[in-house]
Amino acid sequence: MVARQQRQPDDADGVVVVDDGPVRVITIDRPARRNAVDSRAAAALLSAFESFDVDDSAFVAVLTGAGDASAPAPTSRPSPAAIDDRWATTVQDRWAPPGCG
């Protein structure tokens, strides 16, 4: 059995990263907030995925949330001022399936 290794726990940003062999589990751990992603959590998620991107020992990243519920998706696009361009561009350029975005 492969030991789970926690790589960057930080309760302040609400994101926990755990390695389980070649699987990296990234958990949004803000159940009291229904795992809503604020700017600190978004920055932590970006950091977690950037770290995954350059780590040759991690083959699969799983994004999950803690607790029983999640925040509802917004029904309208947030204002441009609310979007971190670095986050949006990184996600689209690196991880979006071809033809998306």
Protein backbone atom coordinates (compact mmCIF):
# COMPACT_ATOMS: atom_id res chain seq x y z
CA MET A 1 0.00 0.00 0.00
CA VAL A 2 1.30 3.43 -0.94
CA ALA A 3 1.43 5.93 1.89
CA ARG A 4 -0.51 9.13 1.42
CA GLN A 5 1.69 12.19 1.57
CA GLN A 6 0.17 15.58 2.24
CA ARG A 7 2.02 18.15 0.16
CA GLN A 8 0.65 21.58 0.96
CA PRO A 9 -2.01 21.75 3.62
CA ASP A 10 -3.14 25.26 4.40
CA ASP A 11 -6.38 25.74 6.29
CA ALA A 12 -6.24 29.46 5.58
CA ASP A 13 -6.88 29.01 1.85
CA GLY A 14 -9.19 26.01 2.12
CA VAL A 15 -7.28 23.76 -0.28
CA VAL A 16 -5.56 20.53 0.74
CA VAL A 17 -3.27 18.58 -1.58
CA VAL A 18 -2.51 14.91 -0.90
CA ASP A 19 -0.41 12.52 -2.98
CA ASP A 20 -1.43 8.87 -3.06
CA GLY A 21 1.25 7.31 -5.23
CA PRO A 22 0.89 8.77 -8.73
CA VAL A 23 -2.53 10.26 -7.90
CA ARG A 24 -2.71 13.82 -6.60
CA VAL A 25 -5.96 14.59 -4.79
CA ILE A 26 -6.74 18.30 -4.58
CA THR A 27 -9.57 18.99 -2.13
CA ILE A 28 -11.45 22.24 -1.72
CA ASP A 29 -11.96 22.00 2.03
CA ARG A 30 -14.44 24.74 2.87
CA PRO A 31 -17.58 22.79 3.80
CA ALA A 32 -18.95 25.62 5.95
CA ARG A 33 -18.91 27.76 2.79
CA ARG A 34 -20.22 24.92 0.60
CA ASN A 35 -16.73 24.82 -0.97
CA ALA A 36 -17.20 28.17 -2.68
CA VAL A 37 -13.95 29.33 -4.26
CA ASP A 38 -12.81 32.78 -3.23
CA SER A 39 -9.66 34.55 -4.41
CA ARG A 40 -7.43 32.80 -1.84
CA ALA A 41 -8.78 29.37 -2.75
CA ALA A 42 -8.43 30.18 -6.47
CA ALA A 43 -4.79 31.12 -5.95
CA ALA A 44 -4.20 27.90 -3.97
CA LEU A 45 -5.88 25.84 -6.72
CA LEU A 46 -3.72 27.51 -9.35
CA SER A 47 -0.62 26.73 -7.30
CA ALA A 48 -1.72 23.11 -6.82
CA PHE A 49 -2.29 22.58 -10.54
CA GLU A 50 0.94 24.36 -11.49
CA SER A 51 2.79 22.07 -9.07
CA PHE A 52 1.04 19.04 -10.58
CA ASP A 53 1.97 20.23 -14.07
CA VAL A 54 5.72 20.09 -13.35
CA ASP A 55 5.77 17.00 -11.09
CA ASP A 56 6.74 13.94 -13.14
CA SER A 57 5.77 11.59 -10.29
CA ALA A 58 2.10 12.65 -10.35
CA PHE A 59 0.15 11.19 -13.28
CA VAL A 60 -3.47 12.05 -12.39
CA ALA A 61 -5.00 14.99 -10.55
CA VAL A 62 -8.41 14.59 -8.91
CA LEU A 63 -10.30 17.72 -7.87
CA THR A 64 -12.85 17.13 -5.13
CA GLY A 65 -14.67 18.97 -2.39
CA ALA A 66 -15.12 18.27 1.31
CA GLY A 67 -18.52 17.80 2.91
CA ASP A 68 -21.92 17.00 1.43
CA ALA A 69 -22.74 20.03 -0.70
CA SER A 70 -21.18 22.48 -3.10
CA ALA A 71 -21.87 26.08 -3.91
CA PRO A 72 -24.23 26.59 -6.83
CA ALA A 73 -22.70 27.67 -10.09
CA PRO A 74 -23.18 31.33 -10.89
CA THR A 75 -26.06 32.05 -13.24
CA SER A 76 -24.28 34.97 -14.85
CA ARG A 77 -20.70 35.68 -15.74
CA PRO A 78 -18.84 37.61 -13.03
CA SER A 79 -17.59 41.08 -13.81
CA PRO A 80 -14.12 41.20 -15.41
CA ALA A 81 -12.76 42.81 -12.25
CA ALA A 82 -13.75 39.68 -10.29
CA ILE A 83 -11.78 37.33 -12.54
CA ASP A 84 -8.08 36.75 -12.03
CA ASP A 85 -6.82 36.78 -15.64
CA ARG A 86 -3.81 34.68 -14.73
CA TRP A 87 -6.06 31.93 -13.34
CA ALA A 88 -8.50 31.95 -16.26
CA THR A 89 -5.78 31.98 -18.90
CA THR A 90 -3.76 29.25 -17.19
CA VAL A 91 -6.72 26.91 -16.84
CA GLN A 92 -7.89 27.45 -20.42
CA ASP A 93 -4.42 27.19 -21.99
CA ARG A 94 -3.17 24.22 -20.00
CA TRP A 95 -6.12 22.06 -19.09
CA ALA A 96 -9.13 22.79 -21.28
CA PRO A 97 -10.02 20.03 -23.75
CA PRO A 98 -9.42 20.95 -27.41
CA GLY A 99 -12.28 22.99 -28.79
CA CYS A 100 -13.34 24.34 -25.40
CA GLY A 101 -12.94 27.94 -24.34
